[in-house]
Amino acid sequence: MEKRIDKANYYLNIAKAVADRSTCLRKKAGAVIVNNDEIISTGYNGAPRGRANCIDLGYCTKKKMFPDIRHGGYDACRSVHAEQNALISASRKNMIGATLYLVLYRTDTGEYDPGSNSCQMCRKMIINSGITKVVVRINDNEYQTIDVEEWINNDDLIDGKMTY
């Protein structure tokens, strides 16, 4: 008898399909916000509406300006993050108590980026949205569940705790 896929992997598979729409040359990201077993919104990383995408330009502006930086340099990036696009497409009243499912993978290898997670700006926006959990894909079947309350209680922007 065939085993049915669990709900987290179901929504993560949808987030992976959303990520495939990404226009970033370095990393594809997809986010799906779910509340009460209903998809509220989706988002992928890409340039703001009407602006040229990196796939259209043929180069990554962030990598061009900061060739050695892995984390940070977000002001040089053309993309709006997947989480941000999902958040701005949803009503806050629908996000209170919701879960955000997040998939990030590298374009050069197609592999999930180990330890990938929301950046500080996205974390702040997720906290304010009322979302209570973030589920991040680790591999095709495994994922990490983050209680957003941990981001509030363990504020890594205080006392220089933030790491890159």
Protein backbone atom coordinates (compact mmCIF):
# COMPACT_ATOMS: atom_id res chain seq x y z
CA MET A 1 0.00 0.00 0.00
CA GLU A 2 1.32 3.42 -0.96
CA LYS A 3 2.06 5.78 1.93
CA ARG A 4 0.48 9.22 1.79
CA ILE A 5 2.80 12.25 1.96
CA ASP A 6 2.67 14.19 5.23
CA LYS A 7 1.23 17.74 5.22
CA ALA A 8 4.56 19.50 5.83
CA ASN A 9 6.19 17.85 2.81
CA TYR A 10 3.03 18.50 0.78
CA TYR A 11 3.30 22.24 1.42
CA LEU A 12 7.10 22.17 1.01
CA ASN A 13 6.65 20.53 -2.41
CA ILE A 14 4.34 23.39 -3.36
CA ALA A 15 6.96 25.88 -2.08
CA LYS A 16 9.55 24.11 -4.28
CA ALA A 17 7.28 24.56 -7.32
CA VAL A 18 6.89 28.24 -6.40
CA ALA A 19 10.70 28.54 -6.06
CA ASP A 20 11.07 27.28 -9.62
CA ARG A 21 9.58 30.64 -10.75
CA SER A 22 12.46 32.52 -9.10
CA THR A 23 14.50 34.85 -11.27
CA CYS A 24 17.67 34.76 -9.14
CA LEU A 25 20.83 33.35 -10.71
CA ARG A 26 22.28 32.15 -7.38
CA LYS A 27 19.51 30.80 -5.19
CA LYS A 28 15.88 29.90 -5.80
CA ALA A 29 13.46 30.41 -2.93
CA GLY A 30 9.78 29.71 -2.56
CA ALA A 31 7.44 30.46 0.33
CA VAL A 32 3.90 29.29 1.04
CA ILE A 33 1.83 30.72 3.90
CA VAL A 34 -0.78 28.30 5.24
CA ASN A 35 -3.41 28.83 7.92
CA ASN A 36 -6.06 26.31 8.95
CA ASP A 37 -4.89 23.98 6.15
CA GLU A 38 -5.56 26.66 3.52
CA ILE A 39 -2.94 28.35 1.36
CA ILE A 40 -3.08 32.09 2.06
CA SER A 41 -0.35 33.24 -0.33
CA THR A 42 2.86 32.29 -2.10
CA GLY A 43 6.03 34.12 -3.05
CA TYR A 44 9.34 33.57 -4.80
CA ASN A 45 12.49 35.68 -5.00
CA GLY A 46 12.76 38.06 -7.91
CA ALA A 47 13.11 41.71 -8.88
CA PRO A 48 10.25 44.08 -8.07
CA ARG A 49 7.50 44.20 -10.68
CA GLY A 50 8.58 46.08 -13.78
CA ARG A 51 12.32 45.95 -13.01
CA ALA A 52 14.77 43.77 -14.91
CA ASN A 53 15.48 40.39 -13.32
CA CYS A 54 19.00 39.01 -12.99
CA ILE A 55 18.12 36.18 -15.38
CA ASP A 56 17.24 38.86 -17.95
CA LEU A 57 20.40 40.88 -17.23
CA GLY A 58 22.58 37.78 -17.35
CA TYR A 59 24.42 38.57 -14.12
CA CYS A 60 23.86 38.85 -10.37
CA THR A 61 24.17 42.48 -9.27
CA LYS A 62 25.02 41.47 -5.69
CA LYS A 63 27.79 39.10 -6.82
CA LYS A 64 29.10 41.73 -9.21
CA MET A 65 29.37 44.36 -6.46
CA PHE A 66 30.42 41.99 -3.63
CA PRO A 67 32.05 38.93 -5.20
CA ASP A 68 33.16 37.34 -1.91
CA ILE A 69 30.13 37.97 0.30
CA ARG A 70 27.83 35.06 1.09
CA HIS A 71 25.46 36.59 3.65
CA GLY A 72 24.66 40.27 3.68
CA GLY A 73 24.93 42.83 0.90
CA TYR A 74 21.17 42.63 0.49
CA ASP A 75 20.95 46.26 -0.60
CA ALA A 76 22.84 45.30 -3.75
CA CYS A 77 20.47 42.42 -4.50
CA ARG A 78 17.73 43.07 -7.07
CA SER A 79 15.40 40.47 -5.55
CA VAL A 80 12.55 40.82 -3.15
CA HIS A 81 12.79 37.71 -0.97
CA ALA A 82 10.27 34.88 -1.27
CA GLU A 83 9.05 35.41 2.28
CA GLN A 84 8.56 39.14 1.64
CA ASN A 85 6.59 38.52 -1.55
CA ALA A 86 4.34 36.01 0.24
CA LEU A 87 3.84 38.41 3.16
CA ILE A 88 2.88 41.41 1.02
CA SER A 89 0.36 39.26 -0.88
CA ALA A 90 -1.50 38.26 2.30
CA SER A 91 -3.74 39.98 4.80
CA ARG A 92 -2.35 40.11 8.35
CA LYS A 93 -5.63 38.83 9.80
CA ASN A 94 -5.19 35.68 7.68
CA MET A 95 -1.57 35.20 8.80
CA ILE A 96 -2.15 35.27 12.57
CA GLY A 97 -1.29 31.77 13.78
CA ALA A 98 -0.19 30.66 10.29
CA THR A 99 2.81 28.61 9.16
CA LEU A 100 5.27 29.71 6.48
CA TYR A 101 6.81 26.86 4.44
CA LEU A 102 10.17 27.77 2.91
CA VAL A 103 12.34 26.06 0.31
CA LEU A 104 15.73 27.42 -0.78
CA TYR A 105 18.08 25.74 -3.22
CA ARG A 106 21.24 26.67 -5.07
CA THR A 107 21.03 27.16 -8.82
CA ASP A 108 24.58 25.88 -9.45
CA THR A 109 24.00 22.46 -7.83
CA GLY A 110 20.22 22.19 -7.49
CA GLU A 111 20.82 21.14 -3.89
CA TYR A 112 19.12 22.56 -0.84
CA ASP A 113 21.39 25.04 0.88
CA PRO A 114 22.31 23.55 4.29
CA GLY A 115 21.40 25.84 7.16
CA SER A 116 19.36 28.18 4.96
CA ASN A 117 16.86 30.25 6.80
CA SER A 118 15.14 33.61 6.65
CA CYS A 119 17.38 36.69 6.75
CA GLN A 120 17.07 39.22 9.57
CA MET A 121 14.75 41.53 7.61
CA CYS A 122 12.44 38.63 6.70
CA ARG A 123 12.49 37.41 10.32
CA LYS A 124 11.35 40.82 11.52
CA MET A 125 8.56 40.88 8.95
CA ILE A 126 7.47 37.31 9.82
CA ILE A 127 7.38 38.21 13.52
CA ASN A 128 5.17 41.25 12.81
CA SER A 129 2.89 39.29 10.47
CA GLY A 130 1.59 37.02 13.22
CA ILE A 131 2.98 33.83 11.67
CA THR A 132 3.87 31.39 14.46
CA LYS A 133 5.94 28.69 12.68
CA VAL A 134 8.41 28.52 9.83
CA VAL A 135 9.14 25.14 8.24
CA VAL A 136 12.36 24.99 6.18
CA ARG A 137 13.20 22.12 3.83
CA ILE A 138 16.51 20.35 4.58
CA ASN A 139 16.31 17.66 1.89
CA ASP A 140 13.60 15.97 -0.17
CA ASN A 141 11.95 14.44 2.90
CA GLU A 142 13.27 16.25 5.96
CA TYR A 143 12.59 19.71 7.30
CA GLN A 144 13.23 21.92 10.30
CA THR A 145 10.38 23.57 12.19
CA ILE A 146 11.12 26.91 13.82
CA ASP A 147 8.88 28.42 16.45
CA VAL A 148 8.82 32.15 15.64
CA GLU A 149 8.67 32.80 19.38
CA GLU A 150 12.33 31.61 19.45
CA TRP A 151 13.27 34.49 17.13
CA ILE A 152 11.54 36.89 19.52
CA ASN A 153 13.08 35.46 22.70
CA ASN A 154 16.56 34.92 21.26
CA ASP A 155 16.99 38.31 19.61
CA ASP A 156 20.34 37.94 17.85
CA LEU A 157 20.46 41.65 17.04
CA ILE A 158 21.20 42.41 20.72
CA ASP A 159 24.68 42.26 22.20
CA GLY A 160 26.38 41.31 18.93
CA LYS A 161 25.01 37.75 18.89
CA MET A 162 24.24 37.81 15.17
CA THR A 163 26.43 35.55 13.04
CA TYR A 164 26.85 35.49 9.27
